[in-house]
C-alpha atoms as a PDB file:
ATOM      1  CA  UNK A   1    -148.712 103.427 -21.308  1.00  0.00           C
ATOM      2  CA  UNK A   2    -146.048 105.820 -22.967  1.00  0.00           C
ATOM      3  CA  UNK A   3    -142.337 106.065 -23.351  1.00  0.00           C
ATOM      4  CA  UNK A   4    -142.503 109.610 -21.288  1.00  0.00           C
ATOM      5  CA  UNK A   5    -141.964 109.409 -17.366  1.00  0.00           C
ATOM      6  CA  UNK A   6    -143.838 112.910 -16.777  1.00  0.00           C
ATOM      7  CA  UNK A   7    -146.068 115.720 -18.544  1.00  0.00           C
ATOM      8  CA  UNK A   8    -146.652 119.264 -17.922  1.00  0.00           C
ATOM      9  CA  UNK A   9    -148.631 121.851 -19.468  1.00  0.00           C
ATOM     10  CA  UNK A  10    -146.729 125.128 -20.861  1.00  0.00           C
ATOM     11  CA  UNK A  11    -146.636 128.225 -22.754  1.00  0.00           C
ATOM     12  CA  UNK A  12    -144.284 127.960 -25.314  1.00  0.00           C
ATOM     13  CA  UNK A  13    -143.768 130.180 -28.094  1.00  0.00           C
ATOM     14  CA  UNK A  14    -145.164 129.250 -31.630  1.00  0.00           C
ATOM     15  CA  UNK A  15    -142.116 128.986 -33.972  1.00  0.00           C
ATOM     16  CA  UNK A  16    -140.369 132.169 -35.376  1.00  0.00           C
ATOM     17  CA  UNK A  17    -136.897 134.167 -34.848  1.00  0.00           C
ATOM     18  CA  UNK A  18    -137.975 134.333 -31.268  1.00  0.00           C
ATOM     19  CA  UNK A  19    -138.382 130.558 -30.355  1.00  0.00           C
ATOM     20  CA  UNK A  20    -134.924 130.175 -32.391  1.00  0.00           C
ATOM     21  CA  UNK A  21    -132.911 132.525 -30.693  1.00  0.00           C
ATOM     22  CA  UNK A  22    -134.021 131.372 -27.055  1.00  0.00           C
ATOM     23  CA  UNK A  23    -133.901 127.640 -28.212  1.00  0.00           C
ATOM     24  CA  UNK A  24    -130.286 128.408 -29.333  1.00  0.00           C
ATOM     25  CA  UNK A  25    -129.545 130.107 -25.947  1.00  0.00           C
ATOM     26  CA  UNK A  26    -130.388 127.157 -23.828  1.00  0.00           C
ATOM     27  CA  UNK A  27    -129.016 124.497 -26.260  1.00  0.00           C
ATOM     28  CA  UNK A  28    -132.665 122.739 -26.739  1.00  0.00           C
ATOM     29  CA  UNK A  29    -135.317 122.796 -29.062  1.00  0.00           C
ATOM     30  CA  UNK A  30    -138.562 122.065 -27.405  1.00  0.00           C
ATOM     31  CA  UNK A  31    -140.325 122.058 -30.432  1.00  0.00           C
ATOM     32  CA  UNK A  32    -138.059 119.925 -32.181  1.00  0.00           C
ATOM     33  CA  UNK A  33    -137.055 117.738 -29.742  1.00  0.00           C
ATOM     34  CA  UNK A  34    -133.293 118.085 -30.515  1.00  0.00           C
ATOM     35  CA  UNK A  35    -130.156 119.441 -29.100  1.00  0.00           C
ATOM     36  CA  UNK A  36    -128.906 123.146 -30.905  1.00  0.00           C
ATOM     37  CA  UNK A  37    -125.349 124.717 -30.407  1.00  0.00           C
ATOM     38  CA  UNK A  38    -125.282 127.577 -28.066  1.00  0.00           C
ATOM     39  CA  UNK A  39    -124.013 131.012 -28.841  1.00  0.00           C
ATOM     40  CA  UNK A  40    -120.449 131.276 -27.950  1.00  0.00           C
ATOM     41  CA  UNK A  41    -120.495 135.126 -26.711  1.00  0.00           C
ATOM     42  CA  UNK A  42    -117.293 137.034 -25.116  1.00  0.00           C
ATOM     43  CA  UNK A  43    -117.440 138.384 -21.983  1.00  0.00           C
ATOM     44  CA  UNK A  44    -119.254 135.640 -20.160  1.00  0.00           C
ATOM     45  CA  UNK A  45    -117.777 134.629 -16.536  1.00  0.00           C
ATOM     46  CA  UNK A  46    -118.276 130.478 -17.406  1.00  0.00           C
ATOM     47  CA  UNK A  47    -119.534 128.763 -20.862  1.00  0.00           C
ATOM     48  CA  UNK A  48    -122.737 129.310 -21.854  1.00  0.00           C
ATOM     49  CA  UNK A  49    -123.725 125.467 -21.617  1.00  0.00           C
ATOM     50  CA  UNK A  50    -123.139 125.879 -17.530  1.00  0.00           C
ATOM     51  CA  UNK A  51    -124.751 128.530 -17.334  1.00  0.00           C
ATOM     52  CA  UNK A  52    -127.701 127.273 -18.430  1.00  0.00           C
ATOM     53  CA  UNK A  53    -127.210 123.411 -17.472  1.00  0.00           C
ATOM     54  CA  UNK A  54    -130.866 123.089 -15.317  1.00  0.00           C
ATOM     55  CA  UNK A  55    -133.435 125.221 -17.530  1.00  0.00           C
ATOM     56  CA  UNK A  56    -131.463 123.805 -20.556  1.00  0.00           C
ATOM     57  CA  UNK A  57    -133.255 120.484 -20.277  1.00  0.00           C
ATOM     58  CA  UNK A  58    -136.796 121.756 -20.038  1.00  0.00           C
ATOM     59  CA  UNK A  59    -136.724 124.267 -23.074  1.00  0.00           C
ATOM     60  CA  UNK A  60    -137.874 127.716 -23.448  1.00  0.00           C
ATOM     61  CA  UNK A  61    -141.023 127.972 -21.911  1.00  0.00           C
ATOM     62  CA  UNK A  62    -143.342 129.302 -19.177  1.00  0.00           C
ATOM     63  CA  UNK A  63    -144.844 126.932 -16.797  1.00  0.00           C
ATOM     64  CA  UNK A  64    -148.727 126.511 -16.517  1.00  0.00           C
ATOM     65  CA  UNK A  65    -149.150 123.382 -14.851  1.00  0.00           C
ATOM     66  CA  UNK A  66    -145.854 121.287 -13.355  1.00  0.00           C
ATOM     67  CA  UNK A  67    -144.652 118.396 -14.390  1.00  0.00           C
ATOM     68  CA  UNK A  68    -146.487 115.494 -13.358  1.00  0.00           C
ATOM     69  CA  UNK A  69    -146.850 111.426 -13.451  1.00  0.00           C
ATOM     70  CA  UNK A  70    -150.378 111.099 -15.935  1.00  0.00           C
ATOM     71  CA  UNK A  71    -153.325 108.681 -14.719  1.00  0.00           C
ATOM     72  CA  UNK A  72    -154.161 108.396 -18.584  1.00  0.00           C
ATOM     73  CA  UNK A  73    -153.042 107.926 -21.960  1.00  0.00           C
ATOM     74  CA  UNK A  74    -151.199 110.716 -24.177  1.00  0.00           C
ATOM     75  CA  UNK A  75    -154.482 110.438 -25.903  1.00  0.00           C
ATOM     76  CA  UNK A  76    -156.724 111.530 -23.262  1.00  0.00           C
ATOM     77  CA  UNK A  77    -154.194 114.445 -22.022  1.00  0.00           C
ATOM     78  CA  UNK A  78    -153.965 115.849 -25.576  1.00  0.00           C
ATOM     79  CA  UNK A  79    -157.895 115.467 -25.610  1.00  0.00           C
ATOM     80  CA  UNK A  80    -158.188 117.151 -22.366  1.00  0.00           C
ATOM     81  CA  UNK A  81    -155.768 119.667 -22.958  1.00  0.00           C
ATOM     82  CA  UNK A  82    -157.986 120.800 -26.298  1.00  0.00           C
ATOM     83  CA  UNK A  83    -161.346 120.598 -24.407  1.00  0.00           C
ATOM     84  CA  UNK A  84    -159.447 123.458 -21.731  1.00  0.00           C
ATOM     85  CA  UNK A  85    -157.588 125.738 -24.936  1.00  0.00           C
ATOM     86  CA  UNK A  86    -160.835 125.787 -26.542  1.00  0.00           C
ATOM     87  CA  UNK A  87    -162.929 127.256 -23.541  1.00  0.00           C
ATOM     88  CA  UNK A  88    -160.000 129.858 -21.930  1.00  0.00           C
ATOM     89  CA  UNK A  89    -159.308 133.207 -23.889  1.00  0.00           C
ATOM     90  CA  UNK A  90    -155.581 134.159 -25.036  1.00  0.00           C
ATOM     91  CA  UNK A  91    -153.991 136.212 -22.658  1.00  0.00           C
ATOM     92  CA  UNK A  92    -151.881 140.010 -24.337  1.00  0.00           C
ATOM     93  CA  UNK A  93    -149.543 141.565 -22.076  1.00  0.00           C
ATOM     94  CA  UNK A  94    -147.292 144.500 -22.526  1.00  0.00           C
ATOM     95  CA  UNK A  95    -143.483 143.920 -23.358  1.00  0.00           C
ATOM     96  CA  UNK A  96    -140.929 141.069 -22.084  1.00  0.00           C
ATOM     97  CA  UNK A  97    -138.492 142.360 -19.413  1.00  0.00           C
ATOM     98  CA  UNK A  98    -135.150 140.497 -18.454  1.00  0.00           C
ATOM     99  CA  UNK A  99    -135.551 140.604 -14.564  1.00  0.00           C
ATOM    100  CA  UNK A 100    -133.012 139.201 -12.498  1.00  0.00           C
ATOM    101  CA  UNK A 101    -134.946 136.603 -10.401  1.00  0.00           C
ATOM    102  CA  UNK A 102    -133.391 135.695  -7.141  1.00  0.00           C
ATOM    103  CA  UNK A 103    -130.050 135.244  -8.736  1.00  0.00           C
ATOM    104  CA  UNK A 104    -131.823 133.784 -11.721  1.00  0.00           C
ATOM    105  CA  UNK A 105    -132.286 135.379 -14.869  1.00  0.00           C
ATOM    106  CA  UNK A 106    -135.455 135.601 -16.619  1.00  0.00           C
ATOM    107  CA  UNK A 107    -138.065 137.411 -18.912  1.00  0.00           C
ATOM    108  CA  UNK A 108    -141.714 138.638 -17.289  1.00  0.00           C
ATOM    109  CA  UNK A 109    -144.877 140.182 -18.966  1.00  0.00           C
ATOM    110  CA  UNK A 110    -145.712 143.740 -18.028  1.00  0.00           C
ATOM    111  CA  UNK A 111    -149.283 144.315 -17.440  1.00  0.00           C
ATOM    112  CA  UNK A 112    -151.470 141.336 -17.369  1.00  0.00           C
ATOM    113  CA  UNK A 113    -151.153 140.039 -14.300  1.00  0.00           C
ATOM    114  CA  UNK A 114    -154.774 139.433 -13.601  1.00  0.00           C
ATOM    115  CA  UNK A 115    -154.764 137.593 -17.073  1.00  0.00           C
ATOM    116  CA  UNK A 116    -152.178 135.437 -16.504  1.00  0.00           C
ATOM    117  CA  UNK A 117    -153.596 134.281 -12.671  1.00  0.00           C
ATOM    118  CA  UNK A 118    -157.220 133.475 -14.125  1.00  0.00           C
ATOM    119  CA  UNK A 119    -155.256 130.810 -16.953  1.00  0.00           C
ATOM    120  CA  UNK A 120    -153.236 129.399 -13.981  1.00  0.00           C
ATOM    121  CA  UNK A 121    -155.925 128.954 -11.857  1.00  0.00           C
ATOM    122  CA  UNK A 122    -158.161 127.495 -14.987  1.00  0.00           C
ATOM    123  CA  UNK A 123    -156.213 125.292 -16.361  1.00  0.00           C
ATOM    124  CA  UNK A 124    -154.735 123.852 -12.850  1.00  0.00           C
ATOM    125  CA  UNK A 125    -158.590 123.391 -11.953  1.00  0.00           C
ATOM    126  CA  UNK A 126    -159.189 121.456 -15.223  1.00  0.00           C
ATOM    127  CA  UNK A 127    -156.413 119.580 -15.376  1.00  0.00           C
ATOM    128  CA  UNK A 128    -156.142 117.964 -11.947  1.00  0.00           C
ATOM    129  CA  UNK A 129    -158.158 114.567 -12.683  1.00  0.00           C
ATOM    130  CA  UNK A 130    -155.012 114.027 -15.593  1.00  0.00           C
ATOM    131  CA  UNK A 131    -152.600 113.704 -12.779  1.00  0.00           C
ATOM    132  CA  UNK A 132    -151.505 110.773  -9.871  1.00  0.00           C
ATOM    133  CA  UNK A 133    -151.343 111.425  -6.595  1.00  0.00           C
ATOM    134  CA  UNK A 134    -148.017 112.417  -5.666  1.00  0.00           C
ATOM    135  CA  UNK A 135    -145.637 110.225  -3.707  1.00  0.00           C
ATOM    136  CA  UNK A 136    -143.459 110.698  -0.806  1.00  0.00           C
ATOM    137  CA  UNK A 137    -139.937 111.262  -3.420  1.00  0.00           C
ATOM    138  CA  UNK A 138    -141.783 114.093  -5.231  1.00  0.00           C
ATOM    139  CA  UNK A 139    -143.265 116.063  -2.077  1.00  0.00           C
ATOM    140  CA  UNK A 140    -139.421 115.468  -0.816  1.00  0.00           C
ATOM    141  CA  UNK A 141    -138.375 116.983  -4.367  1.00  0.00           C
ATOM    142  CA  UNK A 142    -140.556 120.023  -3.462  1.00  0.00           C
ATOM    143  CA  UNK A 143    -138.883 120.786  -0.311  1.00  0.00           C
ATOM    144  CA  UNK A 144    -141.403 120.943   1.825  1.00  0.00           C
ATOM    145  CA  UNK A 145    -139.429 122.229   5.134  1.00  0.00           C
ATOM    146  CA  UNK A 146    -139.029 125.765   3.092  1.00  0.00           C
ATOM    147  CA  UNK A 147    -142.265 126.488   2.051  1.00  0.00           C
ATOM    148  CA  UNK A 148    -144.844 128.438   3.638  1.00  0.00           C
ATOM    149  CA  UNK A 149    -148.117 126.477   5.291  1.00  0.00           C
ATOM    150  CA  UNK A 150    -150.030 127.821   2.419  1.00  0.00           C
ATOM    151  CA  UNK A 151    -148.081 126.582  -0.036  1.00  0.00           C
ATOM    152  CA  UNK A 152    -147.606 123.178   1.573  1.00  0.00           C
ATOM    153  CA  UNK A 153    -151.616 123.249   1.617  1.00  0.00           C
ATOM    154  CA  UNK A 154    -151.723 123.680  -2.432  1.00  0.00           C
ATOM    155  CA  UNK A 155    -148.907 121.304  -3.020  1.00  0.00           C
ATOM    156  CA  UNK A 156    -150.937 118.400  -1.397  1.00  0.00           C
ATOM    157  CA  UNK A 157    -154.465 119.738  -2.991  1.00  0.00           C
ATOM    158  CA  UNK A 158    -152.827 120.222  -6.357  1.00  0.00           C
ATOM    159  CA  UNK A 159    -149.636 118.924  -6.814  1.00  0.00           C
ATOM    160  CA  UNK A 160    -147.478 121.712  -6.671  1.00  0.00           C
ATOM    161  CA  UNK A 161    -146.801 124.561  -4.363  1.00  0.00           C
ATOM    162  CA  UNK A 162    -146.651 127.974  -6.751  1.00  0.00           C
ATOM    163  CA  UNK A 163    -150.407 127.499  -7.917  1.00  0.00           C
ATOM    164  CA  UNK A 164    -153.861 130.138  -7.435  1.00  0.00           C
ATOM    165  CA  UNK A 165    -152.550 132.766  -5.600  1.00  0.00           C
ATOM    166  CA  UNK A 166    -148.504 131.764  -5.662  1.00  0.00           C
ATOM    167  CA  UNK A 167    -148.594 131.287  -9.192  1.00  0.00           C
ATOM    168  CA  UNK A 168    -145.834 133.692 -10.612  1.00  0.00           C
ATOM    169  CA  UNK A 169    -145.478 133.360 -14.779  1.00  0.00           C
ATOM    170  CA  UNK A 170    -141.344 133.629 -15.411  1.00  0.00           C
ATOM    171  CA  UNK A 171    -139.698 132.248 -18.624  1.00  0.00           C
ATOM    172  CA  UNK A 172    -136.320 131.257 -17.134  1.00  0.00           C
ATOM    173  CA  UNK A 173    -133.048 131.557 -18.597  1.00  0.00           C
ATOM    174  CA  UNK A 174    -130.169 130.800 -16.461  1.00  0.00           C
ATOM    175  CA  UNK A 175    -129.479 128.450 -13.822  1.00  0.00           C
ATOM    176  CA  UNK A 176    -129.049 130.774 -10.197  1.00  0.00           C
ATOM    177  CA  UNK A 177    -125.819 132.684 -11.083  1.00  0.00           C
ATOM    178  CA  UNK A 178    -122.925 132.499  -9.128  1.00  0.00           C
ATOM    179  CA  UNK A 179    -122.623 136.159  -7.254  1.00  0.00           C
ATOM    180  CA  UNK A 180    -121.301 138.728  -9.521  1.00  0.00           C
ATOM    181  CA  UNK A 181    -122.086 136.824 -12.591  1.00  0.00           C
ATOM    182  CA  UNK A 182    -124.991 138.496 -13.843  1.00  0.00           C
ATOM    183  CA  UNK A 183    -123.418 141.759 -14.219  1.00  0.00           C
ATOM    184  CA  UNK A 184    -121.971 140.083 -17.124  1.00  0.00           C
ATOM    185  CA  UNK A 185    -124.774 138.112 -18.517  1.00  0.00           C
ATOM    186  CA  UNK A 186    -127.815 140.177 -17.724  1.00  0.00           C
ATOM    187  CA  UNK A 187    -126.128 142.489 -20.993  1.00  0.00           C
ATOM    188  CA  UNK A 188    -125.082 139.360 -23.108  1.00  0.00           C
ATOM    189  CA  UNK A 189    -128.582 138.286 -22.913  1.00  0.00           C
ATOM    190  CA  UNK A 190    -130.479 141.654 -23.798  1.00  0.00           C
ATOM    191  CA  UNK A 191    -127.849 141.872 -26.310  1.00  0.00           C
ATOM    192  CA  UNK A 192    -128.939 138.162 -27.789  1.00  0.00           C
ATOM    193  CA  UNK A 193    -132.333 139.031 -27.543  1.00  0.00           C
ATOM    194  CA  UNK A 194    -133.080 142.216 -28.543  1.00  0.00           C
ATOM    195  CA  UNK A 195    -133.401 141.535 -32.080  1.00  0.00           C
ATOM    196  CA  UNK A 196    -135.497 138.124 -31.985  1.00  0.00           C
ATOM    197  CA  UNK A 197    -138.016 139.972 -28.709  1.00  0.00           C
ATOM    198  CA  UNK A 198    -141.540 140.828 -29.598  1.00  0.00           C
ATOM    199  CA  UNK A 199    -142.817 143.991 -28.631  1.00  0.00           C
ATOM    200  CA  UNK A 200    -146.072 142.234 -26.450  1.00  0.00           C
ATOM    201  CA  UNK A 201    -146.541 139.080 -25.445  1.00  0.00           C
ATOM    202  CA  UNK A 202    -149.596 136.950 -26.191  1.00  0.00           C
ATOM    203  CA  UNK A 203    -150.014 133.709 -24.048  1.00  0.00           C
ATOM    204  CA  UNK A 204    -152.543 131.792 -27.409  1.00  0.00           C
ATOM    205  CA  UNK A 205    -151.830 128.759 -26.705  1.00  0.00           C
ATOM    206  CA  UNK A 206    -151.612 125.836 -23.874  1.00  0.00           C
ATOM    207  CA  UNK A 207    -148.568 123.423 -25.166  1.00  0.00           C
ATOM    208  CA  UNK A 208    -149.173 119.522 -23.576  1.00  0.00           C
ATOM    209  CA  UNK A 209    -144.899 118.821 -23.446  1.00  0.00           C
ATOM    210  CA  UNK A 210    -143.328 115.442 -22.220  1.00  0.00           C
ATOM    211  CA  UNK A 211    -140.188 114.388 -19.978  1.00  0.00           C
ATOM    212  CA  UNK A 212    -138.535 111.407 -21.836  1.00  0.00           C
ATOM    213  CA  UNK A 213    -136.341 109.414 -19.370  1.00  0.00           C
ATOM    214  CA  UNK A 214    -133.258 111.721 -19.851  1.00  0.00           C
ATOM    215  CA  UNK A 215    -134.998 114.492 -18.572  1.00  0.00           C
ATOM    216  CA  UNK A 216    -135.092 116.174 -21.640  1.00  0.00           C
ATOM    217  CA  UNK A 217    -138.502 118.033 -22.339  1.00  0.00           C
ATOM    218  CA  UNK A 218    -140.326 117.987 -25.868  1.00  0.00           C
ATOM    219  CA  UNK A 219    -143.555 119.398 -27.432  1.00  0.00           C
ATOM    220  CA  UNK A 220    -146.482 116.736 -27.855  1.00  0.00           C
ATOM    221  CA  UNK A 221    -149.240 119.213 -28.641  1.00  0.00           C
ATOM    222  CA  UNK A 222    -150.034 122.495 -29.053  1.00  0.00           C
ATOM    223  CA  UNK A 223    -153.562 123.976 -28.289  1.00  0.00           C
ATOM    224  CA  UNK A 224    -154.667 127.259 -29.806  1.00  0.00           C
ATOM    225  CA  UNK A 225    -156.452 128.997 -26.696  1.00  0.00           C
ATOM    226  CA  UNK A 226    -160.265 129.820 -28.553  1.00  0.00           C
ATOM    227  CA  UNK A 227    -162.178 130.674 -25.992  1.00  0.00           C
END
């Protein structure tokens, strides 16, 4: 059907300084589909390549629908994402704030929780027919024994435990750091992003992305939110 193993629906910034800065930090440009050189920053506790190993393969993004095995070909996926985006309005937020999320450094948008939850729920409902049911390996990967009863219910129904009221939109920029590492990584990342960080944040598109057989994600289609 396709060369790609899985698809997902993400927020990804449009081409520009912010997208370039975040791609360079992670070492992978999802929109260009290529590795990029990471900055050589002083004072980091480990090489940046090690601090960003997990998020690098995904590229800089915010998850709206987590990766899934497709139930149709890519042309149908694109059509469905276009239809969904045409019915939904952009979400406008305040600033992006660099935050420590249980050891991961991520950007969180301010002042738009209701809009983000409404967007997330609409996308999950509209795109659910596009995915194949979870197999046992996929269920196991989500560590169901660590989930709350409600999260397990959401996993079984929608293919991912952190949707609907459990949805927490964020833009991950590091692996889970070792104790004490954040004190050095936080200011280095903050300084790197400062010239490129938008004053206000908006989700204006739905991005269909796909995972290649090396585990790297590529932007396949960008659909403007036009509702």
